[in-house]
PDB file of N, CA and C in Angstrom:
ATOM      1  N   UNK A   1      -9.461  75.102 -46.568  1.00  0.00           N
ATOM      2  CA  UNK A   1     -10.867  74.837 -46.779  1.00  0.00           C
ATOM      3  C   UNK A   1     -11.027  73.380 -47.221  1.00  0.00           C
ATOM      4  N   UNK A   2     -11.943  72.697 -46.604  1.00  0.00           N
ATOM      5  CA  UNK A   2     -12.204  71.301 -46.964  1.00  0.00           C
ATOM      6  C   UNK A   2     -12.910  71.242 -48.314  1.00  0.00           C
ATOM      7  N   UNK A   3     -12.740  70.123 -48.989  1.00  0.00           N
ATOM      8  CA  UNK A   3     -13.324  69.989 -50.330  1.00  0.00           C
ATOM      9  C   UNK A   3     -14.857  70.015 -50.279  1.00  0.00           C
ATOM     10  N   UNK A   4     -15.465  69.468 -49.242  1.00  0.00           N
ATOM     11  CA  UNK A   4     -16.924  69.508 -49.136  1.00  0.00           C
ATOM     12  C   UNK A   4     -17.418  70.939 -48.965  1.00  0.00           C
ATOM     13  N   UNK A   5     -16.711  71.723 -48.180  1.00  0.00           N
ATOM     14  CA  UNK A   5     -17.072  73.139 -48.002  1.00  0.00           C
ATOM     15  C   UNK A   5     -16.920  73.895 -49.314  1.00  0.00           C
ATOM     16  N   UNK A   6     -15.858  73.627 -50.049  1.00  0.00           N
ATOM     17  CA  UNK A   6     -15.655  74.276 -51.350  1.00  0.00           C
ATOM     18  C   UNK A   6     -16.765  73.899 -52.323  1.00  0.00           C
ATOM     19  N   UNK A   7     -17.160  72.631 -52.305  1.00  0.00           N
ATOM     20  CA  UNK A   7     -18.258  72.181 -53.162  1.00  0.00           C
ATOM     21  C   UNK A   7     -19.547  72.920 -52.816  1.00  0.00           C
ATOM     22  N   UNK A   8     -19.852  73.059 -51.529  1.00  0.00           N
ATOM     23  CA  UNK A   8     -21.043  73.783 -51.097  1.00  0.00           C
ATOM     24  C   UNK A   8     -20.994  75.244 -51.503  1.00  0.00           C
ATOM     25  N   UNK A   9     -19.827  75.862 -51.352  1.00  0.00           N
ATOM     26  CA  UNK A   9     -19.668  77.258 -51.765  1.00  0.00           C
ATOM     27  C   UNK A   9     -19.894  77.411 -53.262  1.00  0.00           C
ATOM     28  N   UNK A  10     -19.348  76.482 -54.043  1.00  0.00           N
ATOM     29  CA  UNK A  10     -19.555  76.512 -55.488  1.00  0.00           C
ATOM     30  C   UNK A  10     -21.034  76.364 -55.837  1.00  0.00           C
ATOM     31  N   UNK A  11     -21.712  75.411 -55.207  1.00  0.00           N
ATOM     32  CA  UNK A  11     -23.121  75.152 -55.510  1.00  0.00           C
ATOM     33  C   UNK A  11     -23.986  76.364 -55.190  1.00  0.00           C
ATOM     34  N   UNK A  12     -23.784  76.949 -54.031  1.00  0.00           N
ATOM     35  CA  UNK A  12     -24.617  78.089 -53.627  1.00  0.00           C
ATOM     36  C   UNK A  12     -24.287  79.323 -54.465  1.00  0.00           C
ATOM     37  N   UNK A  13     -23.023  79.520 -54.800  1.00  0.00           N
ATOM     38  CA  UNK A  13     -22.645  80.643 -55.663  1.00  0.00           C
ATOM     39  C   UNK A  13     -23.255  80.480 -57.051  1.00  0.00           C
ATOM     40  N   UNK A  14     -23.224  79.266 -57.584  1.00  0.00           N
ATOM     41  CA  UNK A  14     -23.832  79.008 -58.894  1.00  0.00           C
ATOM     42  C   UNK A  14     -25.335  79.276 -58.847  1.00  0.00           C
ATOM     43  N   UNK A  15     -25.983  78.877 -57.765  1.00  0.00           N
ATOM     44  CA  UNK A  15     -27.418  79.151 -57.623  1.00  0.00           C
ATOM     45  C   UNK A  15     -27.681  80.651 -57.685  1.00  0.00           C
ATOM     46  N   UNK A  16     -26.900  81.423 -56.970  1.00  0.00           N
ATOM     47  CA  UNK A  16     -27.078  82.873 -56.939  1.00  0.00           C
ATOM     48  C   UNK A  16     -26.871  83.495 -58.313  1.00  0.00           C
ATOM     49  N   UNK A  17     -25.795  83.095 -58.988  1.00  0.00           N
ATOM     50  CA  UNK A  17     -25.483  83.660 -60.305  1.00  0.00           C
ATOM     51  C   UNK A  17     -26.564  83.305 -61.319  1.00  0.00           C
ATOM     52  N   UNK A  18     -26.943  82.032 -61.382  1.00  0.00           N
ATOM     53  CA  UNK A  18     -27.936  81.630 -62.379  1.00  0.00           C
ATOM     54  C   UNK A  18     -29.318  82.187 -62.059  1.00  0.00           C
ATOM     55  N   UNK A  19     -29.637  82.361 -60.797  1.00  0.00           N
ATOM     56  CA  UNK A  19     -30.912  82.982 -60.432  1.00  0.00           C
ATOM     57  C   UNK A  19     -30.945  84.425 -60.927  1.00  0.00           C
ATOM     58  N   UNK A  20     -29.832  85.129 -60.781  1.00  0.00           N
ATOM     59  CA  UNK A  20     -29.766  86.523 -61.232  1.00  0.00           C
ATOM     60  C   UNK A  20     -29.876  86.634 -62.754  1.00  0.00           C
ATOM     61  N   UNK A  21     -29.454  85.607 -63.478  1.00  0.00           N
ATOM     62  CA  UNK A  21     -29.450  85.644 -64.945  1.00  0.00           C
ATOM     63  C   UNK A  21     -30.678  85.000 -65.586  1.00  0.00           C
ATOM     64  N   UNK A  22     -31.618  84.522 -64.786  1.00  0.00           N
ATOM     65  CA  UNK A  22     -32.759  83.761 -65.320  1.00  0.00           C
ATOM     66  C   UNK A  22     -33.555  84.493 -66.391  1.00  0.00           C
ATOM     67  N   UNK A  23     -33.699  85.792 -66.284  1.00  0.00           N
ATOM     68  CA  UNK A  23     -34.527  86.527 -67.253  1.00  0.00           C
ATOM     69  C   UNK A  23     -33.859  86.658 -68.621  1.00  0.00           C
ATOM     70  N   UNK A  24     -32.577  86.367 -68.695  1.00  0.00           N
ATOM     71  CA  UNK A  24     -31.854  86.491 -69.959  1.00  0.00           C
ATOM     72  C   UNK A  24     -32.080  85.314 -70.903  1.00  0.00           C
ATOM     73  N   UNK A  25     -32.298  84.134 -70.340  1.00  0.00           N
ATOM     74  CA  UNK A  25     -32.467  82.946 -71.174  1.00  0.00           C
ATOM     75  C   UNK A  25     -33.088  81.823 -70.352  1.00  0.00           C
ATOM     76  N   UNK A  26     -33.936  81.024 -70.989  1.00  0.00           N
ATOM     77  CA  UNK A  26     -34.471  79.856 -70.281  1.00  0.00           C
ATOM     78  C   UNK A  26     -33.378  78.876 -69.858  1.00  0.00           C
ATOM     79  N   UNK A  27     -32.243  78.902 -70.537  1.00  0.00           N
ATOM     80  CA  UNK A  27     -31.156  77.986 -70.197  1.00  0.00           C
ATOM     81  C   UNK A  27     -30.546  78.322 -68.837  1.00  0.00           C
ATOM     82  N   UNK A  28     -30.633  79.580 -68.423  1.00  0.00           N
ATOM     83  CA  UNK A  28     -30.171  79.932 -67.083  1.00  0.00           C
ATOM     84  C   UNK A  28     -31.116  79.377 -66.020  1.00  0.00           C
ATOM     85  N   UNK A  29     -32.387  79.245 -66.366  1.00  0.00           N
ATOM     86  CA  UNK A  29     -33.336  78.614 -65.436  1.00  0.00           C
ATOM     87  C   UNK A  29     -32.954  77.149 -65.243  1.00  0.00           C
ATOM     88  N   UNK A  30     -32.617  76.487 -66.338  1.00  0.00           N
ATOM     89  CA  UNK A  30     -32.197  75.093 -66.249  1.00  0.00           C
ATOM     90  C   UNK A  30     -30.866  74.967 -65.484  1.00  0.00           C
ATOM     91  N   UNK A  31     -29.967  75.904 -65.711  1.00  0.00           N
ATOM     92  CA  UNK A  31     -28.699  75.901 -64.964  1.00  0.00           C
ATOM     93  C   UNK A  31     -28.955  76.134 -63.473  1.00  0.00           C
ATOM     94  N   UNK A  32     -29.921  76.973 -63.155  1.00  0.00           N
ATOM     95  CA  UNK A  32     -30.298  77.177 -61.758  1.00  0.00           C
ATOM     96  C   UNK A  32     -30.809  75.868 -61.155  1.00  0.00           C
ATOM     97  N   UNK A  33     -31.617  75.142 -61.907  1.00  0.00           N
ATOM     98  CA  UNK A  33     -32.129  73.858 -61.430  1.00  0.00           C
ATOM     99  C   UNK A  33     -30.985  72.889 -61.149  1.00  0.00           C
ATOM    100  N   UNK A  34     -30.019  72.835 -62.058  1.00  0.00           N
ATOM    101  CA  UNK A  34     -28.872  71.950 -61.860  1.00  0.00           C
ATOM    102  C   UNK A  34     -28.070  72.368 -60.627  1.00  0.00           C
ATOM    103  N   UNK A  35     -27.890  73.667 -60.438  1.00  0.00           N
ATOM    104  CA  UNK A  35     -27.146  74.119 -59.262  1.00  0.00           C
ATOM    105  C   UNK A  35     -27.927  73.834 -57.979  1.00  0.00           C
ATOM    106  N   UNK A  36     -29.270  73.823 -58.047  1.00  0.00           N
ATOM    107  CA  UNK A  36     -30.066  73.410 -56.885  1.00  0.00           C
ATOM    108  C   UNK A  36     -29.819  71.941 -56.563  1.00  0.00           C
ATOM    109  N   UNK A  37     -29.670  71.115 -57.598  1.00  0.00           N
ATOM    110  CA  UNK A  37     -29.336  69.707 -57.367  1.00  0.00           C
ATOM    111  C   UNK A  37     -27.967  69.575 -56.707  1.00  0.00           C
ATOM    112  N   UNK A  38     -27.022  70.400 -57.128  1.00  0.00           N
ATOM    113  CA  UNK A  38     -25.710  70.394 -56.486  1.00  0.00           C
ATOM    114  C   UNK A  38     -25.830  70.811 -55.019  1.00  0.00           C
ATOM    115  N   UNK A  39     -26.650  71.838 -54.762  1.00  0.00           N
ATOM    116  CA  UNK A  39     -26.875  72.266 -53.387  1.00  0.00           C
ATOM    117  C   UNK A  39     -27.548  71.179 -52.563  1.00  0.00           C
ATOM    118  N   UNK A  40     -28.453  70.452 -53.182  1.00  0.00           N
ATOM    119  CA  UNK A  40     -29.111  69.341 -52.502  1.00  0.00           C
ATOM    120  C   UNK A  40     -28.104  68.256 -52.147  1.00  0.00           C
ATOM    121  N   UNK A  41     -27.255  67.928 -53.089  1.00  0.00           N
ATOM    122  CA  UNK A  41     -26.217  66.922 -52.823  1.00  0.00           C
ATOM    123  C   UNK A  41     -25.323  67.378 -51.677  1.00  0.00           C
ATOM    124  N   UNK A  42     -24.953  68.640 -51.677  1.00  0.00           N
ATOM    125  CA  UNK A  42     -24.133  69.173 -50.598  1.00  0.00           C
ATOM    126  C   UNK A  42     -24.851  69.027 -49.252  1.00  0.00           C
ATOM    127  N   UNK A  43     -26.121  69.368 -49.214  1.00  0.00           N
ATOM    128  CA  UNK A  43     -26.880  69.254 -47.973  1.00  0.00           C
ATOM    129  C   UNK A  43     -26.894  67.835 -47.440  1.00  0.00           C
ATOM    130  N   UNK A  44     -27.132  66.876 -48.320  1.00  0.00           N
ATOM    131  CA  UNK A  44     -27.146  65.479 -47.882  1.00  0.00           C
ATOM    132  C   UNK A  44     -25.750  65.007 -47.457  1.00  0.00           C
ATOM    133  N   UNK A  45     -24.723  65.418 -48.205  1.00  0.00           N
ATOM    134  CA  UNK A  45     -23.364  64.979 -47.890  1.00  0.00           C
ATOM    135  C   UNK A  45     -22.863  65.519 -46.552  1.00  0.00           C
ATOM    136  N   UNK A  46     -23.285  66.716 -46.206  1.00  0.00           N
ATOM    137  CA  UNK A  46     -22.800  67.281 -44.946  1.00  0.00           C
ATOM    138  C   UNK A  46     -23.723  66.987 -43.781  1.00  0.00           C
ATOM    139  N   UNK A  47     -24.826  66.276 -44.045  1.00  0.00           N
ATOM    140  CA  UNK A  47     -25.694  65.820 -42.970  1.00  0.00           C
ATOM    141  C   UNK A  47     -26.887  66.706 -42.672  1.00  0.00           C
ATOM    142  N   UNK A  48     -27.071  67.737 -43.468  1.00  0.00           N
ATOM    143  CA  UNK A  48     -28.224  68.624 -43.269  1.00  0.00           C
ATOM    144  C   UNK A  48     -29.331  68.196 -44.226  1.00  0.00           C
ATOM    145  N   UNK A  49     -29.960  67.060 -43.932  1.00  0.00           N
ATOM    146  CA  UNK A  49     -30.940  66.502 -44.862  1.00  0.00           C
ATOM    147  C   UNK A  49     -32.151  67.398 -45.095  1.00  0.00           C
ATOM    148  N   UNK A  50     -32.623  68.243 -44.127  1.00  0.00           N
ATOM    149  CA  UNK A  50     -33.731  69.146 -44.482  1.00  0.00           C
ATOM    150  C   UNK A  50     -33.341  70.120 -45.600  1.00  0.00           C
ATOM    151  N   UNK A  51     -32.107  70.619 -45.546  1.00  0.00           N
ATOM    152  CA  UNK A  51     -31.606  71.496 -46.608  1.00  0.00           C
ATOM    153  C   UNK A  51     -31.558  70.736 -47.929  1.00  0.00           C
ATOM    154  N   UNK A  52     -31.093  69.498 -47.890  1.00  0.00           N
ATOM    155  CA  UNK A  52     -31.024  68.683 -49.102  1.00  0.00           C
ATOM    156  C   UNK A  52     -32.388  68.447 -49.722  1.00  0.00           C
ATOM    157  N   UNK A  53     -33.389  68.201 -48.881  1.00  0.00           N
ATOM    158  CA  UNK A  53     -34.748  67.981 -49.383  1.00  0.00           C
ATOM    159  C   UNK A  53     -35.317  69.253 -50.011  1.00  0.00           C
ATOM    160  N   UNK A  54     -35.147  70.375 -49.332  1.00  0.00           N
ATOM    161  CA  UNK A  54     -35.683  71.642 -49.849  1.00  0.00           C
ATOM    162  C   UNK A  54     -35.014  72.013 -51.169  1.00  0.00           C
ATOM    163  N   UNK A  55     -33.710  71.839 -51.260  1.00  0.00           N
ATOM    164  CA  UNK A  55     -33.015  72.150 -52.518  1.00  0.00           C
ATOM    165  C   UNK A  55     -33.456  71.222 -53.641  1.00  0.00           C
ATOM    166  N   UNK A  56     -33.730  69.969 -53.316  1.00  0.00           N
ATOM    167  CA  UNK A  56     -34.222  69.034 -54.325  1.00  0.00           C
ATOM    168  C   UNK A  56     -35.591  69.482 -54.848  1.00  0.00           C
ATOM    169  N   UNK A  57     -36.442  69.942 -53.948  1.00  0.00           N
ATOM    170  CA  UNK A  57     -37.758  70.455 -54.355  1.00  0.00           C
ATOM    171  C   UNK A  57     -37.600  71.691 -55.221  1.00  0.00           C
ATOM    172  N   UNK A  58     -36.689  72.601 -54.832  1.00  0.00           N
ATOM    173  CA  UNK A  58     -36.443  73.803 -55.641  1.00  0.00           C
ATOM    174  C   UNK A  58     -35.958  73.434 -57.034  1.00  0.00           C
ATOM    175  N   UNK A  59     -35.158  72.390 -57.127  1.00  0.00           N
ATOM    176  CA  UNK A  59     -34.697  71.949 -58.449  1.00  0.00           C
ATOM    177  C   UNK A  59     -35.884  71.524 -59.308  1.00  0.00           C
ATOM    178  N   UNK A  60     -36.826  70.799 -58.710  1.00  0.00           N
ATOM    179  CA  UNK A  60     -38.026  70.398 -59.452  1.00  0.00           C
ATOM    180  C   UNK A  60     -38.867  71.584 -59.887  1.00  0.00           C
ATOM    181  N   UNK A  61     -39.002  72.562 -59.015  1.00  0.00           N
ATOM    182  CA  UNK A  61     -39.749  73.779 -59.355  1.00  0.00           C
ATOM    183  C   UNK A  61     -39.064  74.505 -60.513  1.00  0.00           C
ATOM    184  N   UNK A  62     -37.746  74.593 -60.464  1.00  0.00           N
ATOM    185  CA  UNK A  62     -37.011  75.283 -61.526  1.00  0.00           C
ATOM    186  C   UNK A  62     -37.098  74.536 -62.851  1.00  0.00           C
ATOM    187  N   UNK A  63     -37.042  73.214 -62.819  1.00  0.00           N
ATOM    188  CA  UNK A  63     -37.184  72.441 -64.063  1.00  0.00           C
ATOM    189  C   UNK A  63     -38.570  72.665 -64.653  1.00  0.00           C
ATOM    190  N   UNK A  64     -39.572  72.719 -63.813  1.00  0.00           N
ATOM    191  CA  UNK A  64     -40.931  72.986 -64.305  1.00  0.00           C
ATOM    192  C   UNK A  64     -41.022  74.370 -64.938  1.00  0.00           C
ATOM    193  N   UNK A  65     -40.406  75.378 -64.292  1.00  0.00           N
ATOM    194  CA  UNK A  65     -40.410  76.734 -64.869  1.00  0.00           C
ATOM    195  C   UNK A  65     -39.675  76.744 -66.200  1.00  0.00           C
ATOM    196  N   UNK A  66     -38.539  76.031 -66.289  1.00  0.00           N
ATOM    197  CA  UNK A  66     -37.811  75.955 -67.552  1.00  0.00           C
ATOM    198  C   UNK A  66     -38.674  75.309 -68.621  1.00  0.00           C
ATOM    199  N   UNK A  67     -39.328  74.212 -68.266  1.00  0.00           N
ATOM    200  CA  UNK A  67     -40.183  73.498 -69.217  1.00  0.00           C
ATOM    201  C   UNK A  67     -41.274  74.431 -69.752  1.00  0.00           C
ATOM    202  N   UNK A  68     -41.922  75.149 -68.859  1.00  0.00           N
ATOM    203  CA  UNK A  68     -43.001  76.047 -69.283  1.00  0.00           C
ATOM    204  C   UNK A  68     -42.483  77.196 -70.137  1.00  0.00           C
ATOM    205  N   UNK A  69     -41.353  77.768 -69.754  1.00  0.00           N
ATOM    206  CA  UNK A  69     -40.805  78.906 -70.492  1.00  0.00           C
ATOM    207  C   UNK A  69     -40.222  78.453 -71.832  1.00  0.00           C
ATOM    208  N   UNK A  70     -39.452  77.381 -71.811  1.00  0.00           N
ATOM    209  CA  UNK A  70     -38.759  76.940 -73.023  1.00  0.00           C
ATOM    210  C   UNK A  70     -39.723  76.350 -74.044  1.00  0.00           C
ATOM    211  N   UNK A  71     -40.630  75.522 -73.601  1.00  0.00           N
ATOM    212  CA  UNK A  71     -41.508  74.843 -74.542  1.00  0.00           C
ATOM    213  C   UNK A  71     -42.736  75.663 -74.926  1.00  0.00           C
ATOM    214  N   UNK A  72     -43.131  76.590 -74.096  1.00  0.00           N
ATOM    215  CA  UNK A  72     -44.312  77.399 -74.426  1.00  0.00           C
ATOM    216  C   UNK A  72     -43.958  78.792 -74.916  1.00  0.00           C
ATOM    217  N   UNK A  73     -42.651  79.105 -74.991  1.00  0.00           N
ATOM    218  CA  UNK A  73     -42.195  80.438 -75.382  1.00  0.00           C
ATOM    219  C   UNK A  73     -42.640  80.804 -76.790  1.00  0.00           C
ATOM    220  N   UNK A  74     -42.491  79.890 -77.743  1.00  0.00           N
ATOM    221  CA  UNK A  74     -42.789  80.188 -79.142  1.00  0.00           C
ATOM    222  C   UNK A  74     -44.156  79.703 -79.574  1.00  0.00           C
ATOM    223  N   UNK A  75     -44.952  79.229 -78.673  1.00  0.00           N
ATOM    224  CA  UNK A  75     -46.241  78.658 -79.061  1.00  0.00           C
ATOM    225  C   UNK A  75     -47.372  79.588 -78.769  1.00  0.00           C
TER     226      UNK A  75
END
């Protein structure tokens, strides 16, 4: 397995795991956002720039959800 393929597998697996755990803690939402950034990097590195753009947008959406959940949770 090439290292780029392994990186992509890691990024997508992390996205799946952190998405499944999001309801347990706002920090899993932030981890999901970071794994979306990894997926975006993978998309750009392997030449699938539409995938890279969509994953980058998903990362922004996840950071916004984390911000709303984490900062408005106790208020």
